[in-house]
Amino acid sequence: MIETKRKAYRLVVVVVALASIMIFAEGCNTSQPPNQQTKDSQITTEVKAKLASNVRASSLTNIEVNTTNGVVTLAGQVENADIKRSAEQVAAAVSGVVGVNNNLQVASLPAPASR
């Protein structure tokens, strides 16, 4: 009886371990090779740094930067079209960038208060 419980316990441990490995492996699955992931991370960091020095600080906190296979995606909300254009130009000028998806939204001005 004790031997049967030990076998059952070992089987449960093995099944849990295999399930954990499968879940972890699926979570790490990506279509990018590791060296491209590193390049994309470096591009994202450089784009953020250049945006910090070249775009209004109040806009920077609203800009999200993501890079996949050298394509930078900008998302968020900025004050005006000039900042949107500037952010795209800054991102495109970074070494390794092959394209920019500018998904930035220009904030609409609040309606004037009526008296």
PDB file of N, CA and C in Angstrom:
ATOM      1  N   MET A   1       0.823  -1.177   0.000  1.00  0.00           N
ATOM      2  CA  MET A   1       0.000   0.000   0.000  1.00  0.00           C
ATOM      3  C   MET A   1       0.876   1.254   0.000  1.00  0.00           C
ATOM      4  N   ILE A   2       1.879   1.302   0.846  1.00  0.00           N
ATOM      5  CA  ILE A   2       2.774   2.453   0.909  1.00  0.00           C
ATOM      6  C   ILE A   2       3.521   2.594  -0.407  1.00  0.00           C
ATOM      7  N   GLU A   3       3.956   1.496  -1.006  1.00  0.00           N
ATOM      8  CA  GLU A   3       4.662   1.531  -2.283  1.00  0.00           C
ATOM      9  C   GLU A   3       3.750   2.089  -3.384  1.00  0.00           C
ATOM     10  N   THR A   4       2.493   1.748  -3.379  1.00  0.00           N
ATOM     11  CA  THR A   4       1.530   2.253  -4.357  1.00  0.00           C
ATOM     12  C   THR A   4       1.363   3.763  -4.196  1.00  0.00           C
ATOM     13  N   LYS A   5       1.306   4.251  -2.960  1.00  0.00           N
ATOM     14  CA  LYS A   5       1.184   5.688  -2.719  1.00  0.00           C
ATOM     15  C   LYS A   5       2.431   6.422  -3.204  1.00  0.00           C
ATOM     16  N   ARG A   6       3.595   5.820  -2.995  1.00  0.00           N
ATOM     17  CA  ARG A   6       4.834   6.444  -3.457  1.00  0.00           C
ATOM     18  C   ARG A   6       4.858   6.549  -4.977  1.00  0.00           C
ATOM     19  N   LYS A   7       4.436   5.492  -5.650  1.00  0.00           N
ATOM     20  CA  LYS A   7       4.395   5.510  -7.118  1.00  0.00           C
ATOM     21  C   LYS A   7       3.411   6.568  -7.609  1.00  0.00           C
ATOM     22  N   ALA A   8       2.261   6.632  -6.962  1.00  0.00           N
ATOM     23  CA  ALA A   8       1.259   7.626  -7.350  1.00  0.00           C
ATOM     24  C   ALA A   8       1.808   9.035  -7.119  1.00  0.00           C
ATOM     25  N   TYR A   9       2.469   9.247  -6.001  1.00  0.00           N
ATOM     26  CA  TYR A   9       3.052  10.554  -5.681  1.00  0.00           C
ATOM     27  C   TYR A   9       4.101  10.922  -6.722  1.00  0.00           C
ATOM     28  N   ARG A  10       4.963   9.980  -7.071  1.00  0.00           N
ATOM     29  CA  ARG A  10       6.004  10.235  -8.074  1.00  0.00           C
ATOM     30  C   ARG A  10       5.377  10.575  -9.425  1.00  0.00           C
ATOM     31  N   LEU A  11       4.322   9.872  -9.774  1.00  0.00           N
ATOM     32  CA  LEU A  11       3.642  10.127 -11.035  1.00  0.00           C
ATOM     33  C   LEU A  11       3.053  11.540 -11.050  1.00  0.00           C
ATOM     34  N   VAL A  12       2.447  11.945  -9.945  1.00  0.00           N
ATOM     35  CA  VAL A  12       1.880  13.289  -9.843  1.00  0.00           C
ATOM     36  C   VAL A  12       2.986  14.332  -9.968  1.00  0.00           C
ATOM     37  N   VAL A  13       4.103  14.109  -9.299  1.00  0.00           N
ATOM     38  CA  VAL A  13       5.226  15.052  -9.357  1.00  0.00           C
ATOM     39  C   VAL A  13       5.750  15.164 -10.792  1.00  0.00           C
ATOM     40  N   VAL A  14       5.887  14.059 -11.469  1.00  0.00           N
ATOM     41  CA  VAL A  14       6.376  14.067 -12.851  1.00  0.00           C
ATOM     42  C   VAL A  14       5.392  14.802 -13.762  1.00  0.00           C
ATOM     43  N   VAL A  15       4.107  14.535 -13.608  1.00  0.00           N
ATOM     44  CA  VAL A  15       3.091  15.187 -14.442  1.00  0.00           C
ATOM     45  C   VAL A  15       3.096  16.697 -14.194  1.00  0.00           C
ATOM     46  N   VAL A  16       3.161  17.104 -12.942  1.00  0.00           N
ATOM     47  CA  VAL A  16       3.188  18.533 -12.614  1.00  0.00           C
ATOM     48  C   VAL A  16       4.450  19.179 -13.187  1.00  0.00           C
ATOM     49  N   ALA A  17       5.574  18.519 -13.064  1.00  0.00           N
ATOM     50  CA  ALA A  17       6.827  19.058 -13.597  1.00  0.00           C
ATOM     51  C   ALA A  17       6.756  19.212 -15.112  1.00  0.00           C
ATOM     52  N   LEU A  18       6.254  18.210 -15.797  1.00  0.00           N
ATOM     53  CA  LEU A  18       6.131  18.289 -17.252  1.00  0.00           C
ATOM     54  C   LEU A  18       5.156  19.384 -17.670  1.00  0.00           C
ATOM     55  N   ALA A  19       4.050  19.491 -16.961  1.00  0.00           N
ATOM     56  CA  ALA A  19       3.081  20.544 -17.271  1.00  0.00           C
ATOM     57  C   ALA A  19       3.704  21.918 -17.074  1.00  0.00           C
ATOM     58  N   SER A  20       4.462  22.087 -16.001  1.00  0.00           N
ATOM     59  CA  SER A  20       5.129  23.359 -15.739  1.00  0.00           C
ATOM     60  C   SER A  20       6.122  23.699 -16.842  1.00  0.00           C
ATOM     61  N   ILE A  21       6.880  22.723 -17.274  1.00  0.00           N
ATOM     62  CA  ILE A  21       7.860  22.946 -18.341  1.00  0.00           C
ATOM     63  C   ILE A  21       7.148  23.341 -19.633  1.00  0.00           C
ATOM     64  N   MET A  22       6.046  22.677 -19.949  1.00  0.00           N
ATOM     65  CA  MET A  22       5.307  22.986 -21.173  1.00  0.00           C
ATOM     66  C   MET A  22       4.735  24.402 -21.120  1.00  0.00           C
ATOM     67  N   ILE A  23       4.192  24.787 -19.972  1.00  0.00           N
ATOM     68  CA  ILE A  23       3.630  26.129 -19.827  1.00  0.00           C
ATOM     69  C   ILE A  23       4.732  27.168 -19.942  1.00  0.00           C
ATOM     70  N   PHE A  24       5.862  26.938 -19.290  1.00  0.00           N
ATOM     71  CA  PHE A  24       6.980  27.873 -19.360  1.00  0.00           C
ATOM     72  C   PHE A  24       7.500  27.983 -20.793  1.00  0.00           C
ATOM     73  N   ALA A  25       7.656  26.862 -21.472  1.00  0.00           N
ATOM     74  CA  ALA A  25       8.169  26.868 -22.841  1.00  0.00           C
ATOM     75  C   ALA A  25       7.221  27.616 -23.766  1.00  0.00           C
ATOM     76  N   GLU A  26       5.929  27.459 -23.585  1.00  0.00           N
ATOM     77  CA  GLU A  26       4.956  28.169 -24.418  1.00  0.00           C
ATOM     78  C   GLU A  26       5.020  29.662 -24.161  1.00  0.00           C
ATOM     79  N   GLY A  27       5.210  30.054 -22.915  1.00  0.00           N
ATOM     80  CA  GLY A  27       5.312  31.470 -22.577  1.00  0.00           C
ATOM     81  C   GLY A  27       6.548  32.111 -23.179  1.00  0.00           C
ATOM     82  N   CYS A  28       7.604  31.361 -23.384  1.00  0.00           N
ATOM     83  CA  CYS A  28       8.839  31.882 -23.962  1.00  0.00           C
ATOM     84  C   CYS A  28       8.858  31.785 -25.479  1.00  0.00           C
ATOM     85  N   ASN A  29       7.857  31.160 -26.044  1.00  0.00           N
ATOM     86  CA  ASN A  29       7.813  30.969 -27.479  1.00  0.00           C
ATOM     87  C   ASN A  29       7.681  32.315 -28.190  1.00  0.00           C
ATOM     88  N   THR A  30       8.520  32.533 -29.169  1.00  0.00           N
ATOM     89  CA  THR A  30       8.461  33.761 -29.950  1.00  0.00           C
ATOM     90  C   THR A  30       8.893  33.450 -31.370  1.00  0.00           C
ATOM     91  N   SER A  31       8.471  34.281 -32.275  1.00  0.00           N
ATOM     92  CA  SER A  31       8.872  34.072 -33.660  1.00  0.00           C
ATOM     93  C   SER A  31      10.214  34.739 -33.956  1.00  0.00           C
ATOM     94  N   GLN A  32      10.758  35.437 -32.977  1.00  0.00           N
ATOM     95  CA  GLN A  32      12.037  36.123 -33.161  1.00  0.00           C
ATOM     96  C   GLN A  32      13.181  35.324 -32.552  1.00  0.00           C
ATOM     97  N   PRO A  33      14.288  35.240 -33.276  1.00  0.00           N
ATOM     98  CA  PRO A  33      15.467  34.622 -32.666  1.00  0.00           C
ATOM     99  C   PRO A  33      16.002  35.533 -31.560  1.00  0.00           C
ATOM    100  N   PRO A  34      16.730  34.972 -30.592  1.00  0.00           N
ATOM    101  CA  PRO A  34      17.227  35.773 -29.466  1.00  0.00           C
ATOM    102  C   PRO A  34      18.032  36.996 -29.867  1.00  0.00           C
ATOM    103  N   ASN A  35      18.858  36.903 -30.913  1.00  0.00           N
ATOM    104  CA  ASN A  35      19.666  38.068 -31.302  1.00  0.00           C
ATOM    105  C   ASN A  35      18.781  39.200 -31.823  1.00  0.00           C
ATOM    106  N   GLN A  36      17.665  38.872 -32.487  1.00  0.00           N
ATOM    107  CA  GLN A  36      16.751  39.920 -32.960  1.00  0.00           C
ATOM    108  C   GLN A  36      16.007  40.547 -31.785  1.00  0.00           C
ATOM    109  N   GLN A  37      15.659  39.735 -30.790  1.00  0.00           N
ATOM    110  CA  GLN A  37      15.006  40.277 -29.595  1.00  0.00           C
ATOM    111  C   GLN A  37      15.915  41.297 -28.908  1.00  0.00           C
ATOM    112  N   THR A  38      17.212  40.983 -28.853  1.00  0.00           N
ATOM    113  CA  THR A  38      18.176  41.889 -28.242  1.00  0.00           C
ATOM    114  C   THR A  38      18.289  43.171 -29.054  1.00  0.00           C
ATOM    115  N   LYS A  39      18.359  43.050 -30.377  1.00  0.00           N
ATOM    116  CA  LYS A  39      18.436  44.235 -31.235  1.00  0.00           C
ATOM    117  C   LYS A  39      17.191  45.096 -31.054  1.00  0.00           C
ATOM    118  N   ASP A  40      16.030  44.458 -31.021  1.00  0.00           N
ATOM    119  CA  ASP A  40      14.783  45.204 -30.851  1.00  0.00           C
ATOM    120  C   ASP A  40      14.749  45.926 -29.509  1.00  0.00           C
ATOM    121  N   SER A  41      15.239  45.276 -28.475  1.00  0.00           N
ATOM    122  CA  SER A  41      15.290  45.903 -27.158  1.00  0.00           C
ATOM    123  C   SER A  41      16.217  47.117 -27.177  1.00  0.00           C
ATOM    124  N   GLN A  42      17.341  46.987 -27.845  1.00  0.00           N
ATOM    125  CA  GLN A  42      18.285  48.100 -27.945  1.00  0.00           C
ATOM    126  C   GLN A  42      17.680  49.256 -28.741  1.00  0.00           C
ATOM    127  N   ILE A  43      16.967  48.932 -29.815  1.00  0.00           N
ATOM    128  CA  ILE A  43      16.314  49.964 -30.614  1.00  0.00           C
ATOM    129  C   ILE A  43      15.280  50.703 -29.771  1.00  0.00           C
ATOM    130  N   THR A  44      14.461  49.954 -29.042  1.00  0.00           N
ATOM    131  CA  THR A  44      13.437  50.566 -28.190  1.00  0.00           C
ATOM    132  C   THR A  44      14.073  51.516 -27.186  1.00  0.00           C
ATOM    133  N   THR A  45      15.149  51.082 -26.547  1.00  0.00           N
ATOM    134  CA  THR A  45      15.842  51.908 -25.563  1.00  0.00           C
ATOM    135  C   THR A  45      16.380  53.179 -26.202  1.00  0.00           C
ATOM    136  N   GLU A  46      16.981  53.049 -27.382  1.00  0.00           N
ATOM    137  CA  GLU A  46      17.551  54.218 -28.052  1.00  0.00           C
ATOM    138  C   GLU A  46      16.450  55.181 -28.514  1.00  0.00           C
ATOM    139  N   VAL A  47      15.343  54.642 -29.032  1.00  0.00           N
ATOM    140  CA  VAL A  47      14.232  55.503 -29.447  1.00  0.00           C
ATOM    141  C   VAL A  47      13.704  56.283 -28.249  1.00  0.00           C
ATOM    142  N   LYS A  48      13.519  55.608 -27.118  1.00  0.00           N
ATOM    143  CA  LYS A  48      13.025  56.290 -25.914  1.00  0.00           C
ATOM    144  C   LYS A  48      13.990  57.391 -25.469  1.00  0.00           C
ATOM    145  N   ALA A  49      15.275  57.106 -25.519  1.00  0.00           N
ATOM    146  CA  ALA A  49      16.275  58.100 -25.114  1.00  0.00           C
ATOM    147  C   ALA A  49      16.244  59.312 -26.042  1.00  0.00           C
ATOM    148  N   LYS A  50      16.148  59.076 -27.335  1.00  0.00           N
ATOM    149  CA  LYS A  50      16.124  60.189 -28.289  1.00  0.00           C
ATOM    150  C   LYS A  50      14.826  60.974 -28.178  1.00  0.00           C
ATOM    151  N   LEU A  51      13.729  60.287 -27.930  1.00  0.00           N
ATOM    152  CA  LEU A  51      12.458  60.988 -27.729  1.00  0.00           C
ATOM    153  C   LEU A  51      12.550  61.885 -26.491  1.00  0.00           C
ATOM    154  N   ALA A  52      13.223  61.384 -25.462  1.00  0.00           N
ATOM    155  CA  ALA A  52      13.359  62.163 -24.221  1.00  0.00           C
ATOM    156  C   ALA A  52      14.112  63.458 -24.453  1.00  0.00           C
ATOM    157  N   SER A  53      15.064  63.451 -25.364  1.00  0.00           N
ATOM    158  CA  SER A  53      15.844  64.662 -25.594  1.00  0.00           C
ATOM    159  C   SER A  53      15.304  65.529 -26.731  1.00  0.00           C
ATOM    160  N   ASN A  54      14.412  64.990 -27.562  1.00  0.00           N
ATOM    161  CA  ASN A  54      13.963  65.737 -28.736  1.00  0.00           C
ATOM    162  C   ASN A  54      12.471  66.051 -28.788  1.00  0.00           C
ATOM    163  N   VAL A  55      11.705  65.538 -27.853  1.00  0.00           N
ATOM    164  CA  VAL A  55      10.259  65.752 -27.863  1.00  0.00           C
ATOM    165  C   VAL A  55       9.856  66.358 -26.525  1.00  0.00           C
ATOM    166  N   ARG A  56       8.795  67.131 -26.515  1.00  0.00           N
ATOM    167  CA  ARG A  56       8.346  67.763 -25.269  1.00  0.00           C
ATOM    168  C   ARG A  56       8.181  66.733 -24.164  1.00  0.00           C
ATOM    169  N   ALA A  57       8.692  67.055 -23.012  1.00  0.00           N
ATOM    170  CA  ALA A  57       8.654  66.132 -21.873  1.00  0.00           C
ATOM    171  C   ALA A  57       7.238  65.742 -21.496  1.00  0.00           C
ATOM    172  N   SER A  58       6.303  66.662 -21.624  1.00  0.00           N
ATOM    173  CA  SER A  58       4.922  66.345 -21.255  1.00  0.00           C
ATOM    174  C   SER A  58       4.328  65.294 -22.185  1.00  0.00           C
ATOM    175  N   SER A  59       4.817  65.211 -23.410  1.00  0.00           N
ATOM    176  CA  SER A  59       4.325  64.206 -24.354  1.00  0.00           C
ATOM    177  C   SER A  59       4.989  62.857 -24.137  1.00  0.00           C
ATOM    178  N   LEU A  60       6.239  62.902 -23.704  1.00  0.00           N
ATOM    179  CA  LEU A  60       7.020  61.676 -23.590  1.00  0.00           C
ATOM    180  C   LEU A  60       6.369  60.635 -22.692  1.00  0.00           C
ATOM    181  N   THR A  61       5.770  61.060 -21.608  1.00  0.00           N
ATOM    182  CA  THR A  61       5.162  60.097 -20.684  1.00  0.00           C
ATOM    183  C   THR A  61       3.958  59.407 -21.302  1.00  0.00           C
ATOM    184  N   ASN A  62       3.421  59.979 -22.375  1.00  0.00           N
ATOM    185  CA  ASN A  62       2.255  59.386 -23.027  1.00  0.00           C
ATOM    186  C   ASN A  62       2.610  58.541 -24.242  1.00  0.00           C
ATOM    187  N   ILE A  63       3.885  58.470 -24.582  1.00  0.00           N
ATOM    188  CA  ILE A  63       4.303  57.720 -25.770  1.00  0.00           C
ATOM    189  C   ILE A  63       4.839  56.352 -25.363  1.00  0.00           C
ATOM    190  N   GLU A  64       4.227  55.329 -25.922  1.00  0.00           N
ATOM    191  CA  GLU A  64       4.678  53.950 -25.708  1.00  0.00           C
ATOM    192  C   GLU A  64       5.453  53.517 -26.945  1.00  0.00           C
ATOM    193  N   VAL A  65       6.606  52.884 -26.725  1.00  0.00           N
ATOM    194  CA  VAL A  65       7.464  52.449 -27.827  1.00  0.00           C
ATOM    195  C   VAL A  65       7.609  50.935 -27.769  1.00  0.00           C
ATOM    196  N   ASN A  66       7.391  50.278 -28.910  1.00  0.00           N
ATOM    197  CA  ASN A  66       7.555  48.828 -29.004  1.00  0.00           C
ATOM    198  C   ASN A  66       8.253  48.544 -30.329  1.00  0.00           C
ATOM    199  N   THR A  67       9.191  47.599 -30.319  1.00  0.00           N
ATOM    200  CA  THR A  67       9.932  47.264 -31.535  1.00  0.00           C
ATOM    201  C   THR A  67       9.863  45.770 -31.796  1.00  0.00           C
ATOM    202  N   THR A  68       9.524  45.420 -33.022  1.00  0.00           N
ATOM    203  CA  THR A  68       9.495  44.019 -33.445  1.00  0.00           C
ATOM    204  C   THR A  68      10.132  43.917 -34.818  1.00  0.00           C
ATOM    205  N   ASN A  69      11.185  43.110 -34.927  1.00  0.00           N
ATOM    206  CA  ASN A  69      11.915  42.929 -36.181  1.00  0.00           C
ATOM    207  C   ASN A  69      12.349  44.256 -36.802  1.00  0.00           C
ATOM    208  N   GLY A  70      12.742  45.203 -35.950  1.00  0.00           N
ATOM    209  CA  GLY A  70      13.233  46.484 -36.423  1.00  0.00           C
ATOM    210  C   GLY A  70      12.147  47.500 -36.743  1.00  0.00           C
ATOM    211  N   VAL A  71      10.889  47.108 -36.630  1.00  0.00           N
ATOM    212  CA  VAL A  71       9.784  48.028 -36.878  1.00  0.00           C
ATOM    213  C   VAL A  71       9.329  48.603 -35.543  1.00  0.00           C
ATOM    214  N   VAL A  72       9.418  49.919 -35.418  1.00  0.00           N
ATOM    215  CA  VAL A  72       9.047  50.610 -34.188  1.00  0.00           C
ATOM    216  C   VAL A  72       7.577  51.016 -34.274  1.00  0.00           C
ATOM    217  N   THR A  73       6.839  50.727 -33.213  1.00  0.00           N
ATOM    218  CA  THR A  73       5.456  51.170 -33.122  1.00  0.00           C
ATOM    219  C   THR A  73       5.351  52.183 -32.003  1.00  0.00           C
ATOM    220  N   LEU A  74       4.831  53.358 -32.359  1.00  0.00           N
ATOM    221  CA  LEU A  74       4.603  54.424 -31.394  1.00  0.00           C
ATOM    222  C   LEU A  74       3.111  54.470 -31.105  1.00  0.00           C
ATOM    223  N   ALA A  75       2.748  54.490 -29.841  1.00  0.00           N
ATOM    224  CA  ALA A  75       1.339  54.540 -29.458  1.00  0.00           C
ATOM    225  C   ALA A  75       1.182  55.506 -28.297  1.00  0.00           C
ATOM    226  N   GLY A  76      -0.018  56.032 -28.158  1.00  0.00           N
ATOM    227  CA  GLY A  76      -0.302  56.948 -27.068  1.00  0.00           C
ATOM    228  C   GLY A  76      -0.925  58.219 -27.591  1.00  0.00           C
ATOM    229  N   GLN A  77      -0.923  59.236 -26.757  1.00  0.00           N
ATOM    230  CA  GLN A  77      -1.569  60.498 -27.110  1.00  0.00           C
ATOM    231  C   GLN A  77      -0.592  61.647 -26.924  1.00  0.00           C
ATOM    232  N   VAL A  78      -0.547  62.535 -27.916  1.00  0.00           N
ATOM    233  CA  VAL A  78       0.319  63.716 -27.860  1.00  0.00           C
ATOM    234  C   VAL A  78      -0.529  64.973 -28.047  1.00  0.00           C
ATOM    235  N   GLU A  79       0.065  66.132 -27.735  1.00  0.00           N
ATOM    236  CA  GLU A  79      -0.675  67.394 -27.747  1.00  0.00           C
ATOM    237  C   GLU A  79      -1.054  67.888 -29.137  1.00  0.00           C
ATOM    238  N   ASN A  80      -0.144  67.656 -30.125  1.00  0.00           N
ATOM    239  CA  ASN A  80      -0.443  68.201 -31.452  1.00  0.00           C
ATOM    240  C   ASN A  80       0.236  67.384 -32.550  1.00  0.00           C
ATOM    241  N   ALA A  81      -0.103  67.724 -33.794  1.00  0.00           N
ATOM    242  CA  ALA A  81       0.410  66.989 -34.951  1.00  0.00           C
ATOM    243  C   ALA A  81       1.910  67.168 -35.127  1.00  0.00           C
ATOM    244  N   ASP A  82       2.445  68.316 -34.721  1.00  0.00           N
ATOM    245  CA  ASP A  82       3.893  68.537 -34.830  1.00  0.00           C
ATOM    246  C   ASP A  82       4.664  67.555 -33.962  1.00  0.00           C
ATOM    247  N   ILE A  83       4.185  67.329 -32.766  1.00  0.00           N
ATOM    248  CA  ILE A  83       4.848  66.371 -31.865  1.00  0.00           C
ATOM    249  C   ILE A  83       4.729  64.965 -32.432  1.00  0.00           C
ATOM    250  N   LYS A  84       3.583  64.638 -32.992  1.00  0.00           N
ATOM    251  CA  LYS A  84       3.390  63.318 -33.611  1.00  0.00           C
ATOM    252  C   LYS A  84       4.401  63.107 -34.734  1.00  0.00           C
ATOM    253  N   ARG A  85       4.535  64.100 -35.615  1.00  0.00           N
ATOM    254  CA  ARG A  85       5.489  64.016 -36.725  1.00  0.00           C
ATOM    255  C   ARG A  85       6.920  63.934 -36.214  1.00  0.00           C
ATOM    256  N   SER A  86       7.242  64.764 -35.230  1.00  0.00           N
ATOM    257  CA  SER A  86       8.589  64.783 -34.669  1.00  0.00           C
ATOM    258  C   SER A  86       8.960  63.434 -34.059  1.00  0.00           C
ATOM    259  N   ALA A  87       8.039  62.836 -33.322  1.00  0.00           N
ATOM    260  CA  ALA A  87       8.299  61.527 -32.701  1.00  0.00           C
ATOM    261  C   ALA A  87       8.579  60.472 -33.771  1.00  0.00           C
ATOM    262  N   GLU A  88       7.833  60.518 -34.858  1.00  0.00           N
ATOM    263  CA  GLU A  88       8.057  59.558 -35.946  1.00  0.00           C
ATOM    264  C   GLU A  88       9.420  59.765 -36.583  1.00  0.00           C
ATOM    265  N   GLN A  89       9.798  61.019 -36.829  1.00  0.00           N
ATOM    266  CA  GLN A  89      11.091  61.318 -37.438  1.00  0.00           C
ATOM    267  C   GLN A  89      12.244  60.888 -36.533  1.00  0.00           C
ATOM    268  N   VAL A  90      12.100  61.129 -35.240  1.00  0.00           N
ATOM    269  CA  VAL A  90      13.132  60.726 -34.278  1.00  0.00           C
ATOM    270  C   VAL A  90      13.294  59.210 -34.289  1.00  0.00           C
ATOM    271  N   ALA A  91      12.183  58.486 -34.258  1.00  0.00           N
ATOM    272  CA  ALA A  91      12.239  57.024 -34.247  1.00  0.00           C
ATOM    273  C   ALA A  91      12.859  56.492 -35.538  1.00  0.00           C
ATOM    274  N   ALA A  92      12.481  57.065 -36.671  1.00  0.00           N
ATOM    275  CA  ALA A  92      12.986  56.591 -37.968  1.00  0.00           C
ATOM    276  C   ALA A  92      14.492  56.811 -38.113  1.00  0.00           C
ATOM    277  N   ALA A  93      15.035  57.803 -37.410  1.00  0.00           N
ATOM    278  CA  ALA A  93      16.454  58.124 -37.527  1.00  0.00           C
ATOM    279  C   ALA A  93      17.361  57.213 -36.696  1.00  0.00           C
ATOM    280  N   VAL A  94      16.780  56.373 -35.853  1.00  0.00           N
ATOM    281  CA  VAL A  94      17.583  55.493 -35.000  1.00  0.00           C
ATOM    282  C   VAL A  94      18.141  54.337 -35.826  1.00  0.00           C
ATOM    283  N   SER A  95      19.396  54.031 -35.606  1.00  0.00           N
ATOM    284  CA  SER A  95      20.066  52.951 -36.323  1.00  0.00           C
ATOM    285  C   SER A  95      19.353  51.615 -36.076  1.00  0.00           C
ATOM    286  N   GLY A  96      19.109  50.877 -37.139  1.00  0.00           N
ATOM    287  CA  GLY A  96      18.468  49.558 -37.030  1.00  0.00           C
ATOM    288  C   GLY A  96      16.967  49.588 -37.257  1.00  0.00           C
ATOM    289  N   VAL A  97      16.377  50.779 -37.274  1.00  0.00           N
ATOM    290  CA  VAL A  97      14.934  50.890 -37.500  1.00  0.00           C
ATOM    291  C   VAL A  97      14.659  50.706 -38.990  1.00  0.00           C
ATOM    292  N   VAL A  98      13.768  49.765 -39.321  1.00  0.00           N
ATOM    293  CA  VAL A  98      13.418  49.520 -40.723  1.00  0.00           C
ATOM    294  C   VAL A  98      12.066  50.136 -41.084  1.00  0.00           C
ATOM    295  N   GLY A  99      11.317  50.549 -40.090  1.00  0.00           N
ATOM    296  CA  GLY A  99      10.029  51.181 -40.340  1.00  0.00           C
ATOM    297  C   GLY A  99       9.435  51.690 -39.043  1.00  0.00           C
ATOM    298  N   VAL A 100       8.465  52.603 -39.178  1.00  0.00           N
ATOM    299  CA  VAL A 100       7.798  53.154 -38.004  1.00  0.00           C
ATOM    300  C   VAL A 100       6.293  53.109 -38.236  1.00  0.00           C
ATOM    301  N   ASN A 101       5.579  52.510 -37.306  1.00  0.00           N
ATOM    302  CA  ASN A 101       4.122  52.566 -37.286  1.00  0.00           C
ATOM    303  C   ASN A 101       3.760  53.653 -36.288  1.00  0.00           C
ATOM    304  N   ASN A 102       3.288  54.776 -36.804  1.00  0.00           N
ATOM    305  CA  ASN A 102       2.963  55.901 -35.939  1.00  0.00           C
ATOM    306  C   ASN A 102       1.475  55.840 -35.595  1.00  0.00           C
ATOM    307  N   ASN A 103       1.175  55.223 -34.460  1.00  0.00           N
ATOM    308  CA  ASN A 103      -0.200  55.110 -33.984  1.00  0.00           C
ATOM    309  C   ASN A 103      -0.522  56.163 -32.932  1.00  0.00           C
ATOM    310  N   LEU A 104       0.281  57.223 -32.888  1.00  0.00           N
ATOM    311  CA  LEU A 104       0.033  58.284 -31.913  1.00  0.00           C
ATOM    312  C   LEU A 104      -1.255  59.017 -32.264  1.00  0.00           C
ATOM    313  N   GLN A 105      -2.005  59.357 -31.255  1.00  0.00           N
ATOM    314  CA  GLN A 105      -3.248  60.103 -31.425  1.00  0.00           C
ATOM    315  C   GLN A 105      -3.031  61.527 -30.940  1.00  0.00           C
ATOM    316  N   VAL A 106      -3.546  62.481 -31.710  1.00  0.00           N
ATOM    317  CA  VAL A 106      -3.462  63.880 -31.316  1.00  0.00           C
ATOM    318  C   VAL A 106      -4.661  64.183 -30.424  1.00  0.00           C
ATOM    319  N   ALA A 107      -4.362  64.713 -29.239  1.00  0.00           N
ATOM    320  CA  ALA A 107      -5.425  65.031 -28.279  1.00  0.00           C
ATOM    321  C   ALA A 107      -6.311  66.133 -28.848  1.00  0.00           C
ATOM    322  N   SER A 108      -7.592  65.961 -28.691  1.00  0.00           N
ATOM    323  CA  SER A 108      -8.503  67.005 -29.154  1.00  0.00           C
ATOM    324  C   SER A 108      -8.550  68.110 -28.105  1.00  0.00           C
ATOM    325  N   LEU A 109      -8.709  69.319 -28.576  1.00  0.00           N
ATOM    326  CA  LEU A 109      -8.773  70.452 -27.662  1.00  0.00           C
ATOM    327  C   LEU A 109     -10.116  70.454 -26.937  1.00  0.00           C
ATOM    328  N   PRO A 110     -10.112  70.802 -25.671  1.00  0.00           N
ATOM    329  CA  PRO A 110     -11.387  70.848 -24.948  1.00  0.00           C
ATOM    330  C   PRO A 110     -12.264  71.983 -25.480  1.00  0.00           C
ATOM    331  N   ALA A 111     -13.549  71.751 -25.490  1.00  0.00           N
ATOM    332  CA  ALA A 111     -14.485  72.774 -25.960  1.00  0.00           C
ATOM    333  C   ALA A 111     -14.437  73.969 -25.025  1.00  0.00           C
ATOM    334  N   PRO A 112     -14.524  75.180 -25.576  1.00  0.00           N
ATOM    335  CA  PRO A 112     -14.503  76.366 -24.710  1.00  0.00           C
ATOM    336  C   PRO A 112     -15.718  76.360 -23.783  1.00  0.00           C
ATOM    337  N   ALA A 113     -15.496  76.812 -22.574  1.00  0.00           N
ATOM    338  CA  ALA A 113     -16.580  76.843 -21.593  1.00  0.00           C
ATOM    339  C   ALA A 113     -17.559  77.953 -21.960  1.00  0.00           C
ATOM    340  N   SER A 114     -18.845  77.651 -21.880  1.00  0.00           N
ATOM    341  CA  SER A 114     -19.858  78.669 -22.187  1.00  0.00           C
ATOM    342  C   SER A 114     -20.142  79.477 -20.927  1.00  0.00           C
ATOM    343  N   ARG A 115     -20.505  80.730 -21.118  1.00  0.00           N
ATOM    344  CA  ARG A 115     -20.727  81.609 -19.971  1.00  0.00           C
ATOM    345  C   ARG A 115     -22.153  81.694 -19.644  1.00  0.00           C
TER     346      ARG A 115
END
